[in-house]
Amino acid sequence: MVFVGRRVEIGRIKAALKEGRNCIVIGRSGVGKTALIRFFSKGGVYMRSPRSPRLLLQRLCSVLDMKSGRGSSEELLEAVLEAKTKGTLKIVLDNFSSCPKAMVDVLRELSQLNWIWILAAAERKPKGRVNWIFKERIFINPLGREESKKLAEKLLGKKVPAEQLYNRTHGYPAAVLDAVEEMRKKGVQKGLDRLKPHPVTRQGRIDLLPPEYLTVIAYFLLFVRYVALGEGSDALFITAGALGFLTLAFSKLGKR
């Protein structure tokens, strides 16, 4: 498995595992979370977005060599909690953002055991707020131009134009892998020229400010115009101020 530009992230996960701390890897789709956590899943249990807590518990019953994997989620959870495990079990859950909210309650119960958990999620605040379990939060971002070039050249074994590759892939490893496949089939230049946009690149670049802050700035400019130039009316000033305050207040409430 080839990693480029992930030395810090890999170091933090290794340190967390060594100290017995749970960690969650957070980043956009296609940024390389799956490859990173699968690298650390050796000797553990890897599952991709279990559709229900029961499926997770059935898999754990199988790993723990328990005879019965039948019963309700509550019965399976009780059986897993009572099972005796040798050493520390490592559980790796991918695409946790797609898991049902009921999974959080199961994780809360399973956190009583001497196990290590590694999660990958595509949002900054995974549903159910599992921060109380995963104090080690590792944010993973797209690669830079030179890092994207280095990754492509390692996989392809040929020189690749950094600027053109980055413009096509935006630094997403998933898109870089697609680009490498195209370059293998059609050559470096033709492969890049004919490369279709990867779905992950449609997420766009990271915004400098959230939309609600841009709205507040717009209202502030109206206020400056009123004060500095004397243009507008008292009603406009009061309305702009009230709308700015409400926009910011509702945006904060929505993030709780």
Protein backbone atom coordinates (compact mmCIF):
# COMPACT_ATOMS: atom_id res chain seq x y z
CA MET A 1 0.00 0.00 0.00
CA VAL A 2 1.46 3.36 -1.09
CA PHE A 3 1.06 6.47 1.12
CA VAL A 4 2.28 9.95 0.23
CA GLY A 5 1.89 13.00 2.44
CA ARG A 6 0.30 11.08 5.33
CA ARG A 7 3.28 10.85 7.67
CA VAL A 8 1.65 13.02 10.36
CA GLU A 9 -1.68 11.18 10.23
CA ILE A 10 -0.02 7.75 10.32
CA GLY A 11 2.14 8.87 13.25
CA ARG A 12 -0.87 10.06 15.22
CA ILE A 13 -2.79 6.82 14.67
CA LYS A 14 0.25 4.74 15.68
CA ALA A 15 0.66 6.81 18.84
CA ALA A 16 -3.04 6.44 19.68
CA LEU A 17 -2.92 2.66 19.23
CA LYS A 18 0.23 2.40 21.32
CA GLU A 19 -1.41 4.32 24.16
CA GLY A 20 -4.70 2.43 23.83
CA ARG A 21 -6.75 5.43 22.69
CA ASN A 22 -9.65 5.32 20.23
CA CYS A 23 -9.39 7.55 17.17
CA ILE A 24 -11.63 8.78 14.38
CA VAL A 25 -10.38 9.80 10.93
CA ILE A 26 -12.49 12.59 9.42
CA GLY A 27 -12.41 13.89 5.85
CA ARG A 28 -14.27 14.29 2.59
CA SER A 29 -15.18 11.38 0.36
CA GLY A 30 -12.25 10.18 -1.77
CA VAL A 31 -9.59 11.79 0.41
CA GLY A 32 -8.06 8.44 1.41
CA LYS A 33 -9.68 7.57 4.75
CA THR A 34 -10.46 3.97 3.80
CA ALA A 35 -6.92 3.18 2.66
CA LEU A 36 -5.54 4.71 5.85
CA ILE A 37 -7.71 2.81 8.34
CA ARG A 38 -7.47 -0.47 6.37
CA PHE A 39 -3.72 -0.21 6.76
CA PHE A 40 -4.27 -0.38 10.53
CA SER A 41 -6.95 -3.09 10.40
CA LYS A 42 -4.45 -5.94 10.28
CA GLY A 43 -5.03 -8.24 13.22
CA GLY A 44 -8.40 -6.65 13.93
CA VAL A 45 -11.99 -6.57 12.72
CA TYR A 46 -12.78 -4.41 9.68
CA MET A 47 -16.36 -3.54 8.70
CA ARG A 48 -17.65 -1.08 6.14
CA SER A 49 -20.71 0.91 7.28
CA PRO A 50 -22.73 -1.81 9.09
CA ARG A 51 -26.40 -1.25 8.27
CA SER A 52 -27.49 -2.06 11.81
CA PRO A 53 -26.02 -2.63 15.27
CA ARG A 54 -27.14 -6.26 15.00
CA LEU A 55 -24.82 -6.90 12.03
CA LEU A 56 -21.89 -5.45 13.97
CA LEU A 57 -22.72 -7.58 17.02
CA GLN A 58 -23.09 -10.73 14.90
CA ARG A 59 -19.66 -10.11 13.40
CA LEU A 60 -18.20 -9.63 16.87
CA CYS A 61 -19.81 -12.90 18.01
CA SER A 62 -18.12 -14.63 15.08
CA VAL A 63 -14.73 -13.10 15.92
CA LEU A 64 -15.08 -14.06 19.57
CA ASP A 65 -15.89 -17.69 18.55
CA MET A 66 -19.26 -17.55 20.22
CA LYS A 67 -21.54 -20.40 19.22
CA SER A 68 -24.69 -18.38 18.80
CA GLY A 69 -25.01 -15.24 16.74
CA ARG A 70 -28.79 -15.27 16.90
CA GLY A 71 -31.17 -13.21 18.95
CA SER A 72 -32.11 -9.55 19.24
CA SER A 73 -29.59 -6.74 19.34
CA GLU A 74 -30.03 -6.47 23.10
CA GLU A 75 -29.34 -10.19 23.60
CA LEU A 76 -26.29 -10.14 21.34
CA LEU A 77 -24.93 -7.04 23.08
CA GLU A 78 -25.29 -8.69 26.48
CA ALA A 79 -23.54 -11.81 25.20
CA VAL A 80 -20.63 -9.81 23.75
CA LEU A 81 -20.22 -7.81 26.96
CA GLU A 82 -20.08 -11.01 29.00
CA ALA A 83 -17.65 -12.77 26.64
CA LYS A 84 -14.08 -13.14 27.79
CA THR A 85 -11.50 -11.88 25.31
CA LYS A 86 -7.79 -12.52 25.33
CA GLY A 87 -5.86 -9.30 24.97
CA THR A 88 -7.11 -6.18 23.24
CA LEU A 89 -9.44 -6.43 20.25
CA LYS A 90 -9.11 -3.81 17.51
CA ILE A 91 -12.31 -2.77 15.70
CA VAL A 92 -12.15 -0.70 12.49
CA LEU A 93 -15.41 0.80 11.18
CA ASP A 94 -15.38 2.52 7.79
CA ASN A 95 -17.87 5.08 6.49
CA PHE A 96 -19.36 5.59 9.93
CA SER A 97 -21.43 8.53 8.66
CA SER A 98 -23.69 6.01 6.88
CA CYS A 99 -24.33 3.99 10.04
CA PRO A 100 -27.69 4.37 11.81
CA LYS A 101 -27.83 6.52 14.94
CA ALA A 102 -28.61 3.43 17.02
CA MET A 103 -24.98 2.41 16.44
CA VAL A 104 -23.86 5.14 18.84
CA ASP A 105 -25.74 3.52 21.75
CA VAL A 106 -24.04 0.21 21.01
CA LEU A 107 -20.63 1.89 20.87
CA ARG A 108 -21.33 3.49 24.23
CA GLU A 109 -21.91 0.07 25.76
CA LEU A 110 -18.99 -1.61 24.01
CA SER A 111 -16.64 1.18 25.13
CA GLN A 112 -16.66 -0.51 28.55
CA LEU A 113 -14.49 -3.28 27.09
CA ASN A 114 -10.73 -3.09 26.73
CA TRP A 115 -10.92 -2.68 22.94
CA ILE A 116 -9.44 -0.19 20.53
CA TRP A 117 -11.72 1.52 17.99
CA ILE A 118 -10.76 3.24 14.73
CA LEU A 119 -13.51 4.98 12.78
CA ALA A 120 -13.66 6.84 9.48
CA ALA A 121 -16.33 9.47 8.91
CA ALA A 122 -17.04 11.95 6.13
CA GLU A 123 -18.29 14.77 8.32
CA ARG A 124 -16.84 16.91 11.08
CA LYS A 125 -19.54 16.02 13.62
CA PRO A 126 -20.52 12.34 13.10
CA LYS A 127 -24.09 11.56 14.09
CA GLY A 128 -24.68 10.99 17.76
CA ARG A 129 -21.56 12.93 18.68
CA VAL A 130 -19.15 10.13 19.52
CA ASN A 131 -16.49 12.57 20.70
CA TRP A 132 -16.82 11.18 24.20
CA ILE A 133 -15.40 7.89 22.88
CA PHE A 134 -13.04 9.20 20.21
CA LYS A 135 -10.94 11.93 21.77
CA GLU A 136 -8.26 11.52 19.09
CA ARG A 137 -9.78 13.20 16.03
CA ILE A 138 -7.61 13.18 12.92
CA PHE A 139 -8.66 15.45 10.06
CA ILE A 140 -7.37 14.34 6.67
CA ASN A 141 -7.21 16.75 3.72
CA PRO A 142 -6.54 16.36 -0.02
CA LEU A 143 -2.93 16.16 -1.16
CA GLY A 144 -0.99 19.13 -2.47
CA ARG A 145 0.32 19.49 -6.03
CA GLU A 146 3.72 17.92 -5.39
CA GLU A 147 2.25 15.17 -3.21
CA SER A 148 -0.31 14.28 -5.92
CA LYS A 149 2.50 14.18 -8.47
CA LYS A 150 4.67 12.00 -6.23
CA LEU A 151 1.82 9.53 -5.63
CA ALA A 152 1.02 9.26 -9.34
CA GLU A 153 4.69 8.79 -10.28
CA LYS A 154 5.16 6.09 -7.63
CA LEU A 155 2.18 4.14 -8.99
CA LEU A 156 2.88 4.80 -12.66
CA GLY A 157 6.66 4.72 -12.71
CA LYS A 158 6.79 7.72 -15.09
CA LYS A 159 7.05 11.50 -14.86
CA VAL A 160 3.73 13.31 -14.58
CA PRO A 161 2.99 17.05 -15.06
CA ALA A 162 2.10 18.25 -11.55
CA GLU A 163 -0.08 21.25 -12.47
CA GLN A 164 -2.23 19.41 -15.00
CA LEU A 165 -2.65 16.40 -12.70
CA TYR A 166 -3.70 18.60 -9.77
CA ASN A 167 -6.16 20.58 -11.89
CA ARG A 168 -7.80 17.29 -12.88
CA THR A 169 -7.80 15.58 -9.48
CA HIS A 170 -7.80 18.46 -6.91
CA GLY A 171 -5.46 16.34 -4.78
CA TYR A 172 -7.98 13.58 -4.00
CA PRO A 173 -6.17 10.20 -3.93
CA ALA A 174 -9.23 8.43 -5.37
CA ALA A 175 -9.11 10.74 -8.39
CA VAL A 176 -5.33 10.32 -8.67
CA LEU A 177 -5.78 6.53 -8.85
CA ASP A 178 -8.29 6.96 -11.69
CA ALA A 179 -5.87 9.27 -13.47
CA VAL A 180 -3.08 6.69 -13.14
CA GLU A 181 -5.28 4.01 -14.72
CA GLU A 182 -6.08 6.29 -17.65
CA MET A 183 -2.41 7.17 -18.12
CA ARG A 184 -1.48 3.48 -18.13
CA LYS A 185 -3.98 2.80 -20.91
CA LYS A 186 -3.47 5.86 -23.13
CA GLY A 187 -0.15 7.40 -22.12
CA VAL A 188 0.54 10.26 -19.74
CA GLN A 189 -0.60 13.24 -21.84
CA LYS A 190 -3.52 11.57 -23.62
CA GLY A 191 -4.68 10.00 -20.36
CA LEU A 192 -4.80 13.38 -18.62
CA ASP A 193 -6.42 15.11 -21.60
CA ARG A 194 -9.21 12.53 -21.80
CA LEU A 195 -9.66 12.09 -18.07
CA LYS A 196 -13.28 12.54 -17.03
CA PRO A 197 -14.02 14.42 -13.79
CA HIS A 198 -14.03 12.07 -10.81
CA PRO A 199 -17.18 12.34 -8.61
CA VAL A 200 -15.13 13.39 -5.57
CA THR A 201 -13.77 16.47 -7.39
CA ARG A 202 -17.32 17.80 -7.73
CA GLN A 203 -17.30 18.49 -4.01
CA GLY A 204 -15.37 21.61 -4.95
CA ARG A 205 -12.66 23.34 -3.05
CA ILE A 206 -12.93 24.13 0.62
CA ASP A 207 -14.85 27.39 1.20
CA LEU A 208 -12.95 30.15 2.95
CA LEU A 209 -16.03 30.95 5.03
CA PRO A 210 -19.35 29.17 5.65
CA PRO A 211 -22.34 30.66 3.77
CA GLU A 212 -23.92 32.04 6.94
CA TYR A 213 -20.81 34.11 7.69
CA LEU A 214 -20.82 35.49 4.17
CA THR A 215 -24.44 36.51 4.71
CA VAL A 216 -23.55 38.30 7.93
CA ILE A 217 -20.72 40.13 6.13
CA ALA A 218 -23.20 41.28 3.49
CA TYR A 219 -25.48 42.70 6.18
CA PHE A 220 -22.48 44.39 7.83
CA LEU A 221 -21.59 46.10 4.55
CA LEU A 222 -25.13 47.46 4.40
CA PHE A 223 -24.61 48.88 7.87
CA VAL A 224 -21.28 50.49 6.86
CA ARG A 225 -22.93 52.01 3.81
CA TYR A 226 -25.67 53.48 6.02
CA VAL A 227 -23.25 54.92 8.60
CA ALA A 228 -20.46 56.11 6.29
CA LEU A 229 -22.47 57.39 3.32
CA GLY A 230 -25.78 58.10 4.95
CA GLU A 231 -27.54 56.04 2.30
CA GLY A 232 -30.56 54.00 3.27
CA SER A 233 -33.04 54.37 6.09
CA ASP A 234 -33.33 53.51 9.77
CA ALA A 235 -35.70 50.66 8.89
CA LEU A 236 -33.12 49.19 6.49
CA PHE A 237 -30.41 49.40 9.15
CA ILE A 238 -32.56 47.70 11.80
CA THR A 239 -33.71 44.99 9.37
CA ALA A 240 -30.17 44.24 8.22
CA GLY A 241 -28.92 44.01 11.81
CA ALA A 242 -31.78 41.74 12.88
CA LEU A 243 -31.39 39.44 9.86
CA GLY A 244 -27.63 39.22 10.43
CA PHE A 245 -28.10 38.28 14.07
CA LEU A 246 -30.81 35.70 13.31
CA THR A 247 -28.76 34.12 10.51
CA LEU A 248 -25.79 33.63 12.79
CA ALA A 249 -27.94 32.45 15.73
CA PHE A 250 -29.83 29.83 13.68
CA SER A 251 -26.60 28.58 12.09
CA LYS A 252 -25.14 28.00 15.58
CA LEU A 253 -28.28 26.25 16.81
CA GLY A 254 -28.30 24.00 13.76
CA LYS A 255 -24.76 22.80 14.50
CA ARG A 256 -25.58 21.67 18.02
